[in-house]
PDB file of N, CA and C in Angstrom:
ATOM      1  N   MET A   1     212.496  48.075 305.942  1.00  0.00           N
ATOM      2  CA  MET A   1     210.864  47.920 305.760  1.00  0.00           C
ATOM      3  C   MET A   1     210.342  49.199 305.770  1.00  0.00           C
ATOM      4  N   THR A   2     210.901  50.162 306.854  1.00  0.00           N
ATOM      5  CA  THR A   2     210.261  51.507 307.069  1.00  0.00           C
ATOM      6  C   THR A   2     210.578  52.398 305.671  1.00  0.00           C
ATOM      7  N   ARG A   3     211.563  52.139 305.015  1.00  0.00           N
ATOM      8  CA  ARG A   3     211.719  52.750 303.557  1.00  0.00           C
ATOM      9  C   ARG A   3     210.515  52.713 302.631  1.00  0.00           C
ATOM     10  N   LEU A   4     210.119  51.430 302.762  1.00  0.00           N
ATOM     11  CA  LEU A   4     208.933  51.231 301.819  1.00  0.00           C
ATOM     12  C   LEU A   4     207.595  51.940 302.183  1.00  0.00           C
ATOM     13  N   PHE A   5     207.356  52.296 303.564  1.00  0.00           N
ATOM     14  CA  PHE A   5     206.191  52.954 303.928  1.00  0.00           C
ATOM     15  C   PHE A   5     206.449  54.327 304.309  1.00  0.00           C
ATOM     16  N   ARG A   6     207.355  55.112 303.471  1.00  0.00           N
ATOM     17  CA  ARG A   6     207.493  56.562 303.604  1.00  0.00           C
ATOM     18  C   ARG A   6     206.169  57.229 302.895  1.00  0.00           C
ATOM     19  N   ARG A   7     205.941  58.407 303.545  1.00  0.00           N
ATOM     20  CA  ARG A   7     204.753  58.989 303.094  1.00  0.00           C
ATOM     21  C   ARG A   7     204.916  59.882 301.623  1.00  0.00           C
ATOM     22  N   ALA A   8     205.970  60.371 301.387  1.00  0.00           N
ATOM     23  CA  ALA A   8     206.142  61.420 300.125  1.00  0.00           C
ATOM     24  C   ALA A   8     205.740  60.597 298.829  1.00  0.00           C
ATOM     25  N   PRO A   9     206.568  59.452 298.564  1.00  0.00           N
ATOM     26  CA  PRO A   9     206.225  58.766 297.267  1.00  0.00           C
ATOM     27  C   PRO A   9     204.770  58.304 297.067  1.00  0.00           C
ATOM     28  N   TRP A  10     204.183  57.958 298.332  1.00  0.00           N
ATOM     29  CA  TRP A  10     202.942  57.126 298.258  1.00  0.00           C
ATOM     30  C   TRP A  10     201.813  58.387 298.180  1.00  0.00           C
ATOM     31  N   GLU A  11     202.142  59.535 298.638  1.00  0.00           N
ATOM     32  CA  GLU A  11     201.157  60.702 298.449  1.00  0.00           C
ATOM     33  C   GLU A  11     201.249  61.051 297.053  1.00  0.00           C
ATOM     34  N   ALA A  12     202.386  61.159 296.450  1.00  0.00           N
ATOM     35  CA  ALA A  12     202.478  61.512 295.004  1.00  0.00           C
ATOM     36  C   ALA A  12     201.702  60.721 294.371  1.00  0.00           C
ATOM     37  N   ALA A  13     201.697  59.276 294.446  1.00  0.00           N
ATOM     38  CA  ALA A  13     201.171  58.268 293.761  1.00  0.00           C
ATOM     39  C   ALA A  13     199.493  58.643 293.670  1.00  0.00           C
ATOM     40  N   ALA A  14     199.116  58.599 294.971  1.00  0.00           N
ATOM     41  CA  ALA A  14     197.559  58.821 295.298  1.00  0.00           C
ATOM     42  C   ALA A  14     197.236  59.905 294.687  1.00  0.00           C
ATOM     43  N   THR A  15     198.051  61.119 294.793  1.00  0.00           N
ATOM     44  CA  THR A  15     197.448  62.399 293.725  1.00  0.00           C
ATOM     45  C   THR A  15     197.468  62.187 292.251  1.00  0.00           C
ATOM     46  N   VAL A  16     198.487  61.266 291.814  1.00  0.00           N
ATOM     47  CA  VAL A  16     198.440  61.199 290.382  1.00  0.00           C
ATOM     48  C   VAL A  16     197.231  60.390 290.243  1.00  0.00           C
ATOM     49  N   LEU A  17     196.812  59.375 290.802  1.00  0.00           N
ATOM     50  CA  LEU A  17     195.537  58.680 290.745  1.00  0.00           C
ATOM     51  C   LEU A  17     194.341  59.421 290.624  1.00  0.00           C
ATOM     52  N   ILE A  18     194.187  60.337 291.583  1.00  0.00           N
ATOM     53  CA  ILE A  18     193.205  61.249 291.932  1.00  0.00           C
ATOM     54  C   ILE A  18     193.062  62.219 290.488  1.00  0.00           C
ATOM     55  N   ALA A  19     194.105  62.569 290.125  1.00  0.00           N
ATOM     56  CA  ALA A  19     194.082  63.492 288.803  1.00  0.00           C
ATOM     57  C   ALA A  19     193.913  62.691 287.520  1.00  0.00           C
ATOM     58  N   ALA A  20     194.253  61.323 287.566  1.00  0.00           N
ATOM     59  CA  ALA A  20     194.010  60.629 286.317  1.00  0.00           C
ATOM     60  C   ALA A  20     192.345  60.440 286.334  1.00  0.00           C
ATOM     61  N   GLY A  21     191.860  60.138 287.807  1.00  0.00           N
ATOM     62  CA  GLY A  21     190.373  59.812 287.681  1.00  0.00           C
ATOM     63  C   GLY A  21     189.530  61.162 287.320  1.00  0.00           C
ATOM     64  N   VAL A  22     190.155  62.336 287.438  1.00  0.00           N
ATOM     65  CA  VAL A  22     189.443  63.565 287.035  1.00  0.00           C
ATOM     66  C   VAL A  22     189.504  63.707 285.494  1.00  0.00           C
ATOM     67  N   VAL A  23     190.757  63.485 285.119  1.00  0.00           N
ATOM     68  CA  VAL A  23     191.010  63.449 283.501  1.00  0.00           C
ATOM     69  C   VAL A  23     189.873  62.360 282.993  1.00  0.00           C
ATOM     70  N   MET A  24     189.717  61.235 283.647  1.00  0.00           N
ATOM     71  CA  MET A  24     188.853  60.245 282.879  1.00  0.00           C
ATOM     72  C   MET A  24     187.266  60.828 283.023  1.00  0.00           C
ATOM     73  N   LEU A  25     187.241  61.410 284.080  1.00  0.00           N
ATOM     74  CA  LEU A  25     185.736  61.951 284.282  1.00  0.00           C
ATOM     75  C   LEU A  25     185.419  63.043 283.197  1.00  0.00           C
ATOM     76  N   MET A  26     186.485  63.680 282.809  1.00  0.00           N
ATOM     77  CA  MET A  26     186.192  64.890 281.887  1.00  0.00           C
ATOM     78  C   MET A  26     186.408  64.690 280.415  1.00  0.00           C
ATOM     79  N   GLN A  27     186.988  63.666 280.062  1.00  0.00           N
ATOM     80  CA  GLN A  27     187.186  63.373 278.625  1.00  0.00           C
ATOM     81  C   GLN A  27     186.050  62.973 278.043  1.00  0.00           C
ATOM     82  N   PRO A  28     185.727  63.294 276.687  1.00  0.00           N
ATOM     83  CA  PRO A  28     184.534  63.280 275.939  1.00  0.00           C
ATOM     84  C   PRO A  28     184.526  61.982 275.076  1.00  0.00           C
ATOM     85  N   VAL A  29     185.781  60.998 275.132  1.00  0.00           N
ATOM     86  CA  VAL A  29     186.070  59.995 273.950  1.00  0.00           C
ATOM     87  C   VAL A  29     185.351  58.708 274.461  1.00  0.00           C
ATOM     88  N   SER A  30     185.621  58.303 275.472  1.00  0.00           N
ATOM     89  CA  SER A  30     185.474  56.845 275.909  1.00  0.00           C
ATOM     90  C   SER A  30     184.368  56.850 277.230  1.00  0.00           C
ATOM     91  N   MET A  31     183.367  55.874 276.893  1.00  0.00           N
ATOM     92  CA  MET A  31     182.409  55.832 277.921  1.00  0.00           C
ATOM     93  C   MET A  31     182.916  54.840 279.063  1.00  0.00           C
ATOM     94  N   ALA A  32     183.836  53.884 278.660  1.00  0.00           N
ATOM     95  CA  ALA A  32     184.309  52.925 279.652  1.00  0.00           C
ATOM     96  C   ALA A  32     185.442  53.785 280.599  1.00  0.00           C
ATOM     97  N   LEU A  33     186.220  54.763 280.175  1.00  0.00           N
ATOM     98  CA  LEU A  33     187.015  55.521 280.992  1.00  0.00           C
ATOM     99  C   LEU A  33     186.045  56.370 281.819  1.00  0.00           C
ATOM    100  N   TYR A  34     184.920  56.830 281.418  1.00  0.00           N
ATOM    101  CA  TYR A  34     183.927  57.822 282.011  1.00  0.00           C
ATOM    102  C   TYR A  34     183.425  56.785 283.297  1.00  0.00           C
ATOM    103  N   SER A  35     183.066  55.542 282.881  1.00  0.00           N
ATOM    104  CA  SER A  35     182.456  54.775 283.901  1.00  0.00           C
ATOM    105  C   SER A  35     183.382  54.378 285.028  1.00  0.00           C
ATOM    106  N   TRP A  36     184.734  54.287 284.663  1.00  0.00           N
ATOM    107  CA  TRP A  36     185.570  53.771 285.811  1.00  0.00           C
ATOM    108  C   TRP A  36     186.261  54.928 286.673  1.00  0.00           C
ATOM    109  N   SER A  37     185.793  56.298 286.188  1.00  0.00           N
ATOM    110  CA  SER A  37     186.471  57.423 286.818  1.00  0.00           C
ATOM    111  C   SER A  37     186.051  57.555 288.312  1.00  0.00           C
ATOM    112  N   PHE A  38     184.898  57.233 288.797  1.00  0.00           N
ATOM    113  CA  PHE A  38     184.777  57.463 289.985  1.00  0.00           C
ATOM    114  C   PHE A  38     185.462  56.529 290.813  1.00  0.00           C
ATOM    115  N   ALA A  39     185.542  55.226 290.393  1.00  0.00           N
ATOM    116  CA  ALA A  39     186.253  54.110 291.340  1.00  0.00           C
ATOM    117  C   ALA A  39     187.731  54.714 291.218  1.00  0.00           C
ATOM    118  N   VAL A  40     188.147  55.369 290.266  1.00  0.00           N
ATOM    119  CA  VAL A  40     189.555  55.758 290.290  1.00  0.00           C
ATOM    120  C   VAL A  40     189.877  56.775 291.246  1.00  0.00           C
ATOM    121  N   ILE A  41     188.947  57.767 291.294  1.00  0.00           N
ATOM    122  CA  ILE A  41     189.170  58.799 292.110  1.00  0.00           C
ATOM    123  C   ILE A  41     189.032  58.340 293.577  1.00  0.00           C
ATOM    124  N   LEU A  42     187.943  57.596 293.763  1.00  0.00           N
ATOM    125  CA  LEU A  42     187.766  57.073 295.200  1.00  0.00           C
ATOM    126  C   LEU A  42     188.961  56.324 295.678  1.00  0.00           C
ATOM    127  N   THR A  43     189.592  55.360 294.889  1.00  0.00           N
ATOM    128  CA  THR A  43     190.688  54.687 295.295  1.00  0.00           C
ATOM    129  C   THR A  43     191.854  55.552 295.490  1.00  0.00           C
ATOM    130  N   GLY A  44     191.984  56.594 294.748  1.00  0.00           N
ATOM    131  CA  GLY A  44     193.055  57.381 295.114  1.00  0.00           C
ATOM    132  C   GLY A  44     192.595  58.297 296.324  1.00  0.00           C
ATOM    133  N   THR A  45     191.541  58.584 296.594  1.00  0.00           N
ATOM    134  CA  THR A  45     191.366  59.369 297.834  1.00  0.00           C
ATOM    135  C   THR A  45     191.491  58.514 299.238  1.00  0.00           C
ATOM    136  N   VAL A  46     190.896  57.256 299.009  1.00  0.00           N
ATOM    137  CA  VAL A  46     191.103  56.489 300.134  1.00  0.00           C
ATOM    138  C   VAL A  46     192.602  56.115 300.418  1.00  0.00           C
ATOM    139  N   GLY A  47     193.329  55.991 299.280  1.00  0.00           N
ATOM    140  CA  GLY A  47     194.621  55.645 299.288  1.00  0.00           C
ATOM    141  C   GLY A  47     195.541  56.971 300.126  1.00  0.00           C
ATOM    142  N   PHE A  48     195.083  58.090 299.730  1.00  0.00           N
ATOM    143  CA  PHE A  48     195.676  59.186 300.149  1.00  0.00           C
ATOM    144  C   PHE A  48     195.430  59.462 301.649  1.00  0.00           C
ATOM    145  N   VAL A  49     194.292  58.946 302.201  1.00  0.00           N
ATOM    146  CA  VAL A  49     193.722  59.044 303.578  1.00  0.00           C
ATOM    147  C   VAL A  49     194.760  58.318 304.217  1.00  0.00           C
ATOM    148  N   ILE A  50     194.771  57.102 303.769  1.00  0.00           N
ATOM    149  CA  ILE A  50     195.723  55.770 304.584  1.00  0.00           C
ATOM    150  C   ILE A  50     197.196  56.362 304.540  1.00  0.00           C
ATOM    151  N   VAL A  51     197.608  56.877 303.463  1.00  0.00           N
ATOM    152  CA  VAL A  51     199.060  57.159 303.290  1.00  0.00           C
ATOM    153  C   VAL A  51     199.330  58.426 304.156  1.00  0.00           C
ATOM    154  N   SER A  52     198.365  59.432 304.354  1.00  0.00           N
ATOM    155  CA  SER A  52     198.712  60.320 305.294  1.00  0.00           C
ATOM    156  C   SER A  52     198.963  60.163 306.809  1.00  0.00           C
ATOM    157  N   HIS A  53     198.892  58.749 307.239  1.00  0.00           N
ATOM    158  CA  HIS A  53     199.145  58.293 308.399  1.00  0.00           C
ATOM    159  C   HIS A  53     200.555  57.675 308.485  1.00  0.00           C
ATOM    160  N   PHE A  54     201.191  57.460 307.207  1.00  0.00           N
ATOM    161  CA  PHE A  54     202.562  57.001 307.178  1.00  0.00           C
ATOM    162  C   PHE A  54     203.623  57.856 307.697  1.00  0.00           C
ATOM    163  N   PRO A  55     204.591  57.441 308.414  1.00  0.00           N
ATOM    164  CA  PRO A  55     205.671  58.328 308.765  1.00  0.00           C
ATOM    165  C   PRO A  55     206.354  59.000 307.681  1.00  0.00           C
ATOM    166  N   GLU A  56     206.801  60.306 308.042  1.00  0.00           N
ATOM    167  CA  GLU A  56     207.760  61.112 307.196  1.00  0.00           C
ATOM    168  C   GLU A  56     209.024  60.368 306.600  1.00  0.00           C
TER     169      GLU A  56
END
């Protein structure tokens, strides 16, 4: 069970989610992607804060 809650893979996933939200925010093609970008960035940020408390 403790292998599931290791910090490194979850931090990487949260960072990828934040980066995806930034890309969604800056793309000029789809209004739907732009509309969801803040929610994706916020989810990634909250996830990163929670995951930063996981053990190494």
